[in-house]
Amino acid sequence: VYTFTCRHLYMDEQKYTAIIINQKPALFDEDDIGITIYNKPDTDSTNFSNFFGSSNKIGITAHIIEDYSKSSLPVLITGEEGTGKDKVASLIYENGPYRTSPFYVIDCKYISERKWNYILNNENSPLADVHSTIYIKNVCTLSHSQLEKLFNYMDHTDLAKRNRLILSLLITNELSQEALTIKSQLEKQLSCLTLNLLPLRERSDDIPSITALYLHKLNVSLGKQIIGLEAEAMDLFTAFSWPHNLDQLQHVLKELAVVTKTPYITCN
């Protein structure tokens, strides 16, 4: 892993640019799915209102995300499967104070006890960085001992003060006691900002605008010219409960776009 730092120097009224290159061993292999590193995209296509639809509740959520992005406080994102927690974390990073530094994603689902100990104790760990954004996702999949070690690490190293910290917590229709405890601990210990993402069944008014956004992207990637859904097909979309939320909606639209040979997607 290489880090580059640029600094301006002035000598004898002449301005120079010093570029410092530091090399350090990578913590894990490049293809390790537990830890990934991203950088801010070259083109900023972020549009809060497009992604989160147009209804009043979602419009408010979009404004909250935009406001949270400007802060350096930790953020806890909660929501059901497929509600866009990873997308929100990316938006907060791309519009946040450390957007020119790396964006580390640690997926707790793929972190073993041994690997977790390595992350907490190795000097090359993303957690040892400064002024970066660290997204710890699926916190509820950590064991009790792993959680304890994480909380202790946060306490003793000022992790949330050195970096921008984002965490996500998967919830179902009703919070389990375990998830509720983790949520309470995080809010109390980190004084973090909490953002709950609504499931699609509670924002059916947004489905037409979200569908239009996804279809636009699919038209570009598939070379199609689909205008939209016929009224009857859209009625079926808005009436469906979408148990897997945005992920499921996007998957279904992709399948329909591939087989559709007319300007509109029909219900047949």
C-alpha atoms as a PDB file:
ATOM      1  CA  VAL A   1       0.000   0.000   0.000  1.00  0.00           C
ATOM      2  CA  TYR A   2       1.408   3.363  -1.037  1.00  0.00           C
ATOM      3  CA  THR A   3       0.391   6.716   0.408  1.00  0.00           C
ATOM      4  CA  PHE A   4       1.246  10.009  -1.273  1.00  0.00           C
ATOM      5  CA  THR A   5       1.435  13.309   0.569  1.00  0.00           C
ATOM      6  CA  CYS A   6       1.978  16.632  -1.202  1.00  0.00           C
ATOM      7  CA  ARG A   7       3.295  19.743   0.490  1.00  0.00           C
ATOM      8  CA  HIS A   8       4.313  23.198  -0.749  1.00  0.00           C
ATOM      9  CA  LEU A   9       7.715  24.498   0.351  1.00  0.00           C
ATOM     10  CA  TYR A  10       9.063  28.033  -0.011  1.00  0.00           C
ATOM     11  CA  MET A  11      12.810  28.633  -0.272  1.00  0.00           C
ATOM     12  CA  ASP A  12      14.461  31.887  -1.405  1.00  0.00           C
ATOM     13  CA  GLU A  13      11.054  33.205  -2.508  1.00  0.00           C
ATOM     14  CA  GLN A  14      10.661  30.193  -4.781  1.00  0.00           C
ATOM     15  CA  LYS A  15       7.755  27.750  -4.446  1.00  0.00           C
ATOM     16  CA  TYR A  16       8.454  24.021  -4.604  1.00  0.00           C
ATOM     17  CA  THR A  17       6.163  20.992  -4.356  1.00  0.00           C
ATOM     18  CA  ALA A  18       7.385  18.083  -2.267  1.00  0.00           C
ATOM     19  CA  ILE A  19       5.775  14.684  -2.840  1.00  0.00           C
ATOM     20  CA  ILE A  20       6.340  12.169  -0.050  1.00  0.00           C
ATOM     21  CA  ILE A  21       5.748   8.497  -0.893  1.00  0.00           C
ATOM     22  CA  ASN A  22       5.341   5.993   1.935  1.00  0.00           C
ATOM     23  CA  GLN A  23       5.114   2.251   1.459  1.00  0.00           C
ATOM     24  CA  LYS A  24       3.673  -0.180   3.986  1.00  0.00           C
ATOM     25  CA  PRO A  25       2.631  -3.842   3.804  1.00  0.00           C
ATOM     26  CA  ALA A  26      -1.019  -4.484   2.980  1.00  0.00           C
ATOM     27  CA  LEU A  27      -2.993  -5.964   5.838  1.00  0.00           C
ATOM     28  CA  PHE A  28      -4.730  -8.550   3.647  1.00  0.00           C
ATOM     29  CA  ASP A  29      -4.654  -9.863   0.093  1.00  0.00           C
ATOM     30  CA  GLU A  30      -6.108  -7.711  -2.667  1.00  0.00           C
ATOM     31  CA  ASP A  31      -8.969 -10.154  -3.264  1.00  0.00           C
ATOM     32  CA  ASP A  32      -9.955 -10.339   0.413  1.00  0.00           C
ATOM     33  CA  ILE A  33     -13.713  -9.678   0.581  1.00  0.00           C
ATOM     34  CA  GLY A  34     -13.574  -8.704   4.251  1.00  0.00           C
ATOM     35  CA  ILE A  35     -11.701  -5.430   3.702  1.00  0.00           C
ATOM     36  CA  THR A  36     -11.827  -3.227   0.608  1.00  0.00           C
ATOM     37  CA  ILE A  37     -10.382   0.207  -0.143  1.00  0.00           C
ATOM     38  CA  TYR A  38     -12.019   2.767  -2.412  1.00  0.00           C
ATOM     39  CA  ASN A  39     -11.212   6.278  -3.532  1.00  0.00           C
ATOM     40  CA  LYS A  40     -13.541   9.095  -4.530  1.00  0.00           C
ATOM     41  CA  PRO A  41     -14.741   8.573  -8.134  1.00  0.00           C
ATOM     42  CA  ASP A  42     -13.391  10.914 -10.809  1.00  0.00           C
ATOM     43  CA  THR A  43     -16.906  12.002 -11.747  1.00  0.00           C
ATOM     44  CA  ASP A  44     -19.315  12.942  -9.015  1.00  0.00           C
ATOM     45  CA  SER A  45     -22.746  11.719 -10.095  1.00  0.00           C
ATOM     46  CA  THR A  46     -24.214  11.976  -6.620  1.00  0.00           C
ATOM     47  CA  ASN A  47     -27.816  13.102  -6.556  1.00  0.00           C
ATOM     48  CA  PHE A  48     -29.555  12.646  -3.228  1.00  0.00           C
ATOM     49  CA  SER A  49     -33.050  13.433  -4.472  1.00  0.00           C
ATOM     50  CA  ASN A  50     -32.835  11.084  -7.477  1.00  0.00           C
ATOM     51  CA  PHE A  51     -31.693   8.108  -5.429  1.00  0.00           C
ATOM     52  CA  PHE A  52     -34.128   8.619  -2.577  1.00  0.00           C
ATOM     53  CA  GLY A  53     -37.190   9.504  -4.607  1.00  0.00           C
ATOM     54  CA  SER A  54     -39.580  12.376  -4.250  1.00  0.00           C
ATOM     55  CA  SER A  55     -42.028  11.653  -1.429  1.00  0.00           C
ATOM     56  CA  ASN A  56     -41.917  13.869   1.634  1.00  0.00           C
ATOM     57  CA  LYS A  57     -40.378  11.280   3.985  1.00  0.00           C
ATOM     58  CA  ILE A  58     -37.656  10.309   1.540  1.00  0.00           C
ATOM     59  CA  GLY A  59     -37.010  13.919   0.613  1.00  0.00           C
ATOM     60  CA  ILE A  60     -36.362  14.619   4.292  1.00  0.00           C
ATOM     61  CA  THR A  61     -34.039  11.579   4.446  1.00  0.00           C
ATOM     62  CA  ALA A  62     -32.066  12.913   1.487  1.00  0.00           C
ATOM     63  CA  HIS A  63     -31.588  16.249   3.267  1.00  0.00           C
ATOM     64  CA  ILE A  64     -30.495  14.457   6.451  1.00  0.00           C
ATOM     65  CA  ILE A  65     -27.890  12.450   4.505  1.00  0.00           C
ATOM     66  CA  GLU A  66     -26.595  15.651   2.929  1.00  0.00           C
ATOM     67  CA  ASP A  67     -26.363  17.329   6.352  1.00  0.00           C
ATOM     68  CA  TYR A  68     -24.699  14.292   7.937  1.00  0.00           C
ATOM     69  CA  SER A  69     -22.121  14.244   5.129  1.00  0.00           C
ATOM     70  CA  LYS A  70     -20.849  17.674   6.129  1.00  0.00           C
ATOM     71  CA  SER A  71     -20.248  16.562   9.713  1.00  0.00           C
ATOM     72  CA  SER A  72     -17.293  14.530  10.972  1.00  0.00           C
ATOM     73  CA  LEU A  73     -19.378  12.755  13.646  1.00  0.00           C
ATOM     74  CA  PRO A  74     -19.874   8.961  13.488  1.00  0.00           C
ATOM     75  CA  VAL A  75     -23.001   7.803  11.657  1.00  0.00           C
ATOM     76  CA  LEU A  76     -25.023   4.649  12.332  1.00  0.00           C
ATOM     77  CA  ILE A  77     -27.132   3.519   9.349  1.00  0.00           C
ATOM     78  CA  THR A  78     -29.950   1.066  10.093  1.00  0.00           C
ATOM     79  CA  GLY A  79     -32.355  -0.609   7.718  1.00  0.00           C
ATOM     80  CA  GLU A  80     -33.658  -3.841   6.284  1.00  0.00           C
ATOM     81  CA  GLU A  81     -31.843  -5.885   3.658  1.00  0.00           C
ATOM     82  CA  GLY A  82     -31.509  -4.024   0.347  1.00  0.00           C
ATOM     83  CA  THR A  83     -32.526  -0.561   1.604  1.00  0.00           C
ATOM     84  CA  GLY A  84     -29.316   1.056   0.333  1.00  0.00           C
ATOM     85  CA  LYS A  85     -27.137   1.225   3.447  1.00  0.00           C
ATOM     86  CA  ASP A  86     -23.916   0.790   1.432  1.00  0.00           C
ATOM     87  CA  LYS A  87     -25.015   3.476  -1.027  1.00  0.00           C
ATOM     88  CA  VAL A  88     -25.716   5.912   1.810  1.00  0.00           C
ATOM     89  CA  ALA A  89     -22.286   5.194   3.324  1.00  0.00           C
ATOM     90  CA  SER A  90     -20.685   5.959  -0.066  1.00  0.00           C
ATOM     91  CA  LEU A  91     -22.658   9.197  -0.386  1.00  0.00           C
ATOM     92  CA  ILE A  92     -21.567  10.308   3.083  1.00  0.00           C
ATOM     93  CA  TYR A  93     -17.948   9.597   2.147  1.00  0.00           C
ATOM     94  CA  GLU A  94     -18.091  11.231  -1.298  1.00  0.00           C
ATOM     95  CA  ASN A  95     -19.569  14.421   0.186  1.00  0.00           C
ATOM     96  CA  GLY A  96     -17.726  14.342   3.505  1.00  0.00           C
ATOM     97  CA  PRO A  97     -14.707  16.161   4.947  1.00  0.00           C
ATOM     98  CA  TYR A  98     -12.270  13.299   4.154  1.00  0.00           C
ATOM     99  CA  ARG A  99     -13.415  12.603   0.590  1.00  0.00           C
ATOM    100  CA  THR A 100      -9.867  13.008  -0.775  1.00  0.00           C
ATOM    101  CA  SER A 101      -8.587  10.249   1.554  1.00  0.00           C
ATOM    102  CA  PRO A 102      -9.258   6.493   1.306  1.00  0.00           C
ATOM    103  CA  PHE A 103     -12.637   4.927   2.028  1.00  0.00           C
ATOM    104  CA  TYR A 104     -12.158   1.652   3.936  1.00  0.00           C
ATOM    105  CA  VAL A 105     -14.993  -0.878   4.034  1.00  0.00           C
ATOM    106  CA  ILE A 106     -14.807  -3.621   6.677  1.00  0.00           C
ATOM    107  CA  ASP A 107     -17.537  -6.235   6.246  1.00  0.00           C
ATOM    108  CA  CYS A 108     -17.950  -7.934   9.620  1.00  0.00           C
ATOM    109  CA  LYS A 109     -19.756 -10.836   7.946  1.00  0.00           C
ATOM    110  CA  TYR A 110     -16.410 -12.063   6.571  1.00  0.00           C
ATOM    111  CA  ILE A 111     -14.162 -11.238   9.532  1.00  0.00           C
ATOM    112  CA  SER A 112     -13.084 -14.220  11.637  1.00  0.00           C
ATOM    113  CA  GLU A 113     -11.968 -13.927  15.260  1.00  0.00           C
ATOM    114  CA  ARG A 114      -8.328 -14.236  14.208  1.00  0.00           C
ATOM    115  CA  LYS A 115      -8.666 -11.637  11.474  1.00  0.00           C
ATOM    116  CA  TRP A 116     -10.540  -9.283  13.806  1.00  0.00           C
ATOM    117  CA  ASN A 117      -7.701  -9.476  16.353  1.00  0.00           C
ATOM    118  CA  TYR A 118      -5.263  -8.688  13.551  1.00  0.00           C
ATOM    119  CA  ILE A 119      -7.302  -5.636  12.492  1.00  0.00           C
ATOM    120  CA  LEU A 120      -7.389  -4.289  16.039  1.00  0.00           C
ATOM    121  CA  ASN A 121      -3.713  -4.860  16.817  1.00  0.00           C
ATOM    122  CA  ASN A 122      -1.747  -4.374  13.597  1.00  0.00           C
ATOM    123  CA  GLU A 123      -0.147  -0.981  12.918  1.00  0.00           C
ATOM    124  CA  ASN A 124      -1.031  -1.302   9.207  1.00  0.00           C
ATOM    125  CA  SER A 125      -4.722  -1.725   9.967  1.00  0.00           C
ATOM    126  CA  PRO A 126      -7.184   0.778   8.431  1.00  0.00           C
ATOM    127  CA  LEU A 127      -8.235   1.535  12.004  1.00  0.00           C
ATOM    128  CA  ALA A 128      -4.764   2.943  12.656  1.00  0.00           C
ATOM    129  CA  ASP A 129      -5.164   5.505   9.864  1.00  0.00           C
ATOM    130  CA  VAL A 130      -5.868   9.208  10.324  1.00  0.00           C
ATOM    131  CA  HIS A 131      -8.377  11.414   8.483  1.00  0.00           C
ATOM    132  CA  SER A 132      -9.866   8.561   6.476  1.00  0.00           C
ATOM    133  CA  THR A 133     -13.436   7.262   6.270  1.00  0.00           C
ATOM    134  CA  ILE A 134     -13.976   3.813   7.761  1.00  0.00           C
ATOM    135  CA  TYR A 135     -17.244   1.990   7.066  1.00  0.00           C
ATOM    136  CA  ILE A 136     -17.858  -0.993   9.375  1.00  0.00           C
ATOM    137  CA  LYS A 137     -20.843  -2.833   7.902  1.00  0.00           C
ATOM    138  CA  ASN A 138     -22.996  -5.650   9.285  1.00  0.00           C
ATOM    139  CA  VAL A 139     -21.951  -4.884  12.870  1.00  0.00           C
ATOM    140  CA  CYS A 140     -24.634  -7.255  14.169  1.00  0.00           C
ATOM    141  CA  THR A 141     -22.699 -10.250  12.775  1.00  0.00           C
ATOM    142  CA  LEU A 142     -19.812  -9.683  15.213  1.00  0.00           C
ATOM    143  CA  SER A 143     -19.601 -12.013  18.178  1.00  0.00           C
ATOM    144  CA  HIS A 144     -19.963 -10.682  21.707  1.00  0.00           C
ATOM    145  CA  SER A 145     -16.191 -10.837  22.277  1.00  0.00           C
ATOM    146  CA  GLN A 146     -15.490  -9.090  18.962  1.00  0.00           C
ATOM    147  CA  LEU A 147     -17.904  -6.305  19.883  1.00  0.00           C
ATOM    148  CA  GLU A 148     -16.283  -5.888  23.269  1.00  0.00           C
ATOM    149  CA  LYS A 149     -12.848  -5.632  21.651  1.00  0.00           C
ATOM    150  CA  LEU A 150     -14.142  -3.075  19.133  1.00  0.00           C
ATOM    151  CA  PHE A 151     -15.705  -0.904  21.844  1.00  0.00           C
ATOM    152  CA  ASN A 152     -12.519  -1.086  23.923  1.00  0.00           C
ATOM    153  CA  TYR A 153     -10.429  -0.150  20.886  1.00  0.00           C
ATOM    154  CA  MET A 154     -12.658   2.843  20.169  1.00  0.00           C
ATOM    155  CA  ASP A 155     -12.370   3.972  23.785  1.00  0.00           C
ATOM    156  CA  HIS A 156      -8.589   3.753  24.022  1.00  0.00           C
ATOM    157  CA  THR A 157      -7.584   5.044  20.570  1.00  0.00           C
ATOM    158  CA  ASP A 158     -10.100   7.845  19.853  1.00  0.00           C
ATOM    159  CA  LEU A 159     -10.933   6.086  16.587  1.00  0.00           C
ATOM    160  CA  ALA A 160     -14.002   8.240  15.936  1.00  0.00           C
ATOM    161  CA  LYS A 161     -11.988  11.440  16.461  1.00  0.00           C
ATOM    162  CA  ARG A 162      -9.095  10.428  14.193  1.00  0.00           C
ATOM    163  CA  ASN A 163     -11.308   9.243  11.321  1.00  0.00           C
ATOM    164  CA  ARG A 164     -14.825   9.526   9.955  1.00  0.00           C
ATOM    165  CA  LEU A 165     -16.626   6.430  11.224  1.00  0.00           C
ATOM    166  CA  ILE A 166     -19.715   4.955   9.547  1.00  0.00           C
ATOM    167  CA  LEU A 167     -21.442   1.785  10.776  1.00  0.00           C
ATOM    168  CA  SER A 168     -24.408  -0.168   9.464  1.00  0.00           C
ATOM    169  CA  LEU A 169     -26.830  -2.414  11.300  1.00  0.00           C
ATOM    170  CA  LEU A 170     -29.211  -4.814   9.567  1.00  0.00           C
ATOM    171  CA  ILE A 171     -32.686  -4.791  11.058  1.00  0.00           C
ATOM    172  CA  THR A 172     -35.849  -6.735  10.327  1.00  0.00           C
ATOM    173  CA  ASN A 173     -39.459  -5.663  10.830  1.00  0.00           C
ATOM    174  CA  GLU A 174     -38.794  -5.536  14.533  1.00  0.00           C
ATOM    175  CA  LEU A 175     -35.413  -5.012  16.132  1.00  0.00           C
ATOM    176  CA  SER A 176     -34.126  -8.131  17.869  1.00  0.00           C
ATOM    177  CA  GLN A 177     -32.948  -7.687  21.432  1.00  0.00           C
ATOM    178  CA  GLU A 178     -29.349  -8.246  20.312  1.00  0.00           C
ATOM    179  CA  ALA A 179     -29.549  -5.631  17.536  1.00  0.00           C
ATOM    180  CA  LEU A 180     -31.313  -3.233  19.897  1.00  0.00           C
ATOM    181  CA  THR A 181     -28.491  -3.641  22.439  1.00  0.00           C
ATOM    182  CA  ILE A 182     -25.802  -3.033  19.799  1.00  0.00           C
ATOM    183  CA  LYS A 183     -27.680   0.011  18.495  1.00  0.00           C
ATOM    184  CA  SER A 184     -27.999   1.416  22.017  1.00  0.00           C
ATOM    185  CA  GLN A 185     -24.306   0.787  22.767  1.00  0.00           C
ATOM    186  CA  LEU A 186     -23.166   2.488  19.590  1.00  0.00           C
ATOM    187  CA  GLU A 187     -25.413   5.514  20.112  1.00  0.00           C
ATOM    188  CA  LYS A 188     -24.360   5.849  23.736  1.00  0.00           C
ATOM    189  CA  GLN A 189     -20.638   5.149  23.352  1.00  0.00           C
ATOM    190  CA  LEU A 190     -20.022   7.048  20.116  1.00  0.00           C
ATOM    191  CA  SER A 191     -22.772   9.683  20.386  1.00  0.00           C
ATOM    192  CA  CYS A 192     -23.324   8.872  16.736  1.00  0.00           C
ATOM    193  CA  LEU A 193     -25.906  10.268  14.365  1.00  0.00           C
ATOM    194  CA  THR A 194     -28.501   7.609  13.509  1.00  0.00           C
ATOM    195  CA  LEU A 195     -30.207   7.250  10.143  1.00  0.00           C
ATOM    196  CA  ASN A 196     -32.937   4.641   9.596  1.00  0.00           C
ATOM    197  CA  LEU A 197     -33.696   3.796   5.956  1.00  0.00           C
ATOM    198  CA  LEU A 198     -37.318   2.964   5.226  1.00  0.00           C
ATOM    199  CA  PRO A 199     -38.256  -0.237   3.334  1.00  0.00           C
ATOM    200  CA  LEU A 200     -39.846   0.098  -0.104  1.00  0.00           C
ATOM    201  CA  ARG A 201     -43.261  -1.021   1.171  1.00  0.00           C
ATOM    202  CA  GLU A 202     -43.370   2.197   3.217  1.00  0.00           C
ATOM    203  CA  ARG A 203     -42.384   4.381   0.280  1.00  0.00           C
ATOM    204  CA  SER A 204     -44.399   2.992  -2.646  1.00  0.00           C
ATOM    205  CA  ASP A 205     -44.957   6.543  -3.939  1.00  0.00           C
ATOM    206  CA  ASP A 206     -41.245   6.653  -4.753  1.00  0.00           C
ATOM    207  CA  ILE A 207     -41.211   3.505  -6.889  1.00  0.00           C
ATOM    208  CA  PRO A 208     -42.014   5.324 -10.193  1.00  0.00           C
ATOM    209  CA  SER A 209     -39.124   7.784  -9.770  1.00  0.00           C
ATOM    210  CA  ILE A 210     -36.696   5.086  -8.570  1.00  0.00           C
ATOM    211  CA  THR A 211     -37.750   2.874 -11.494  1.00  0.00           C
ATOM    212  CA  ALA A 212     -37.097   5.720 -13.947  1.00  0.00           C
ATOM    213  CA  LEU A 213     -33.618   6.227 -12.475  1.00  0.00           C
ATOM    214  CA  TYR A 214     -32.720   2.543 -12.697  1.00  0.00           C
ATOM    215  CA  LEU A 215     -34.130   2.252 -16.241  1.00  0.00           C
ATOM    216  CA  HIS A 216     -32.001   5.178 -17.377  1.00  0.00           C
ATOM    217  CA  LYS A 217     -28.875   3.403 -16.109  1.00  0.00           C
ATOM    218  CA  LEU A 218     -29.975   0.103 -17.680  1.00  0.00           C
ATOM    219  CA  ASN A 219     -30.618   1.772 -21.037  1.00  0.00           C
ATOM    220  CA  VAL A 220     -27.035   3.037 -21.020  1.00  0.00           C
ATOM    221  CA  SER A 221     -25.472  -0.262 -19.961  1.00  0.00           C
ATOM    222  CA  LEU A 222     -27.652  -2.524 -22.145  1.00  0.00           C
ATOM    223  CA  GLY A 223     -27.966  -0.240 -25.170  1.00  0.00           C
ATOM    224  CA  LYS A 224     -31.759  -0.124 -24.813  1.00  0.00           C
ATOM    225  CA  GLN A 225     -34.314   2.663 -25.280  1.00  0.00           C
ATOM    226  CA  ILE A 226     -36.994   1.691 -22.779  1.00  0.00           C
ATOM    227  CA  ILE A 227     -39.182   4.655 -21.874  1.00  0.00           C
ATOM    228  CA  GLY A 228     -40.829   3.186 -18.787  1.00  0.00           C
ATOM    229  CA  LEU A 229     -43.522   0.845 -17.516  1.00  0.00           C
ATOM    230  CA  GLU A 230     -47.092   0.670 -18.757  1.00  0.00           C
ATOM    231  CA  ALA A 231     -49.671   1.798 -16.187  1.00  0.00           C
ATOM    232  CA  GLU A 232     -50.814  -1.740 -15.362  1.00  0.00           C
ATOM    233  CA  ALA A 233     -47.223  -2.926 -14.881  1.00  0.00           C
ATOM    234  CA  MET A 234     -46.454   0.075 -12.657  1.00  0.00           C
ATOM    235  CA  ASP A 235     -49.544  -0.731 -10.549  1.00  0.00           C
ATOM    236  CA  LEU A 236     -48.133  -4.212  -9.953  1.00  0.00           C
ATOM    237  CA  PHE A 237     -44.771  -2.708  -8.975  1.00  0.00           C
ATOM    238  CA  THR A 238     -46.245  -0.257  -6.472  1.00  0.00           C
ATOM    239  CA  ALA A 239     -48.584  -2.891  -4.968  1.00  0.00           C
ATOM    240  CA  PHE A 240     -45.796  -5.446  -4.395  1.00  0.00           C
ATOM    241  CA  SER A 241     -44.157  -5.538  -0.945  1.00  0.00           C
ATOM    242  CA  TRP A 242     -40.537  -5.945  -2.210  1.00  0.00           C
ATOM    243  CA  PRO A 243     -39.165  -7.949   0.755  1.00  0.00           C
ATOM    244  CA  HIS A 244     -35.575  -7.405  -0.476  1.00  0.00           C
ATOM    245  CA  ASN A 245     -36.219  -3.726  -1.231  1.00  0.00           C
ATOM    246  CA  LEU A 246     -34.031  -1.777  -3.677  1.00  0.00           C
ATOM    247  CA  ASP A 247     -31.775  -4.736  -4.482  1.00  0.00           C
ATOM    248  CA  GLN A 248     -34.762  -6.816  -5.545  1.00  0.00           C
ATOM    249  CA  LEU A 249     -36.339  -3.974  -7.530  1.00  0.00           C
ATOM    250  CA  GLN A 250     -33.115  -3.382  -9.437  1.00  0.00           C
ATOM    251  CA  HIS A 251     -32.676  -7.114 -10.157  1.00  0.00           C
ATOM    252  CA  VAL A 252     -36.244  -7.502 -11.466  1.00  0.00           C
ATOM    253  CA  LEU A 253     -35.938  -4.400 -13.654  1.00  0.00           C
ATOM    254  CA  LYS A 254     -32.700  -5.688 -15.151  1.00  0.00           C
ATOM    255  CA  GLU A 255     -34.305  -9.007 -16.081  1.00  0.00           C
ATOM    256  CA  LEU A 256     -37.301  -7.222 -17.613  1.00  0.00           C
ATOM    257  CA  ALA A 257     -35.095  -4.763 -19.501  1.00  0.00           C
ATOM    258  CA  VAL A 258     -33.076  -7.595 -21.061  1.00  0.00           C
ATOM    259  CA  VAL A 259     -36.154  -9.359 -22.496  1.00  0.00           C
ATOM    260  CA  THR A 260     -38.205  -6.243 -23.396  1.00  0.00           C
ATOM    261  CA  LYS A 261     -38.207  -5.384 -27.109  1.00  0.00           C
ATOM    262  CA  THR A 262     -40.817  -2.585 -26.954  1.00  0.00           C
ATOM    263  CA  PRO A 263     -40.547   1.026 -25.714  1.00  0.00           C
ATOM    264  CA  TYR A 264     -42.533   0.129 -22.567  1.00  0.00           C
ATOM    265  CA  ILE A 265     -42.346  -2.768 -20.104  1.00  0.00           C
ATOM    266  CA  THR A 266     -45.717  -4.508 -19.983  1.00  0.00           C
ATOM    267  CA  CYS A 267     -47.239  -6.824 -17.365  1.00  0.00           C
ATOM    268  CA  ASN A 268     -47.398  -9.710 -19.872  1.00  0.00           C
END
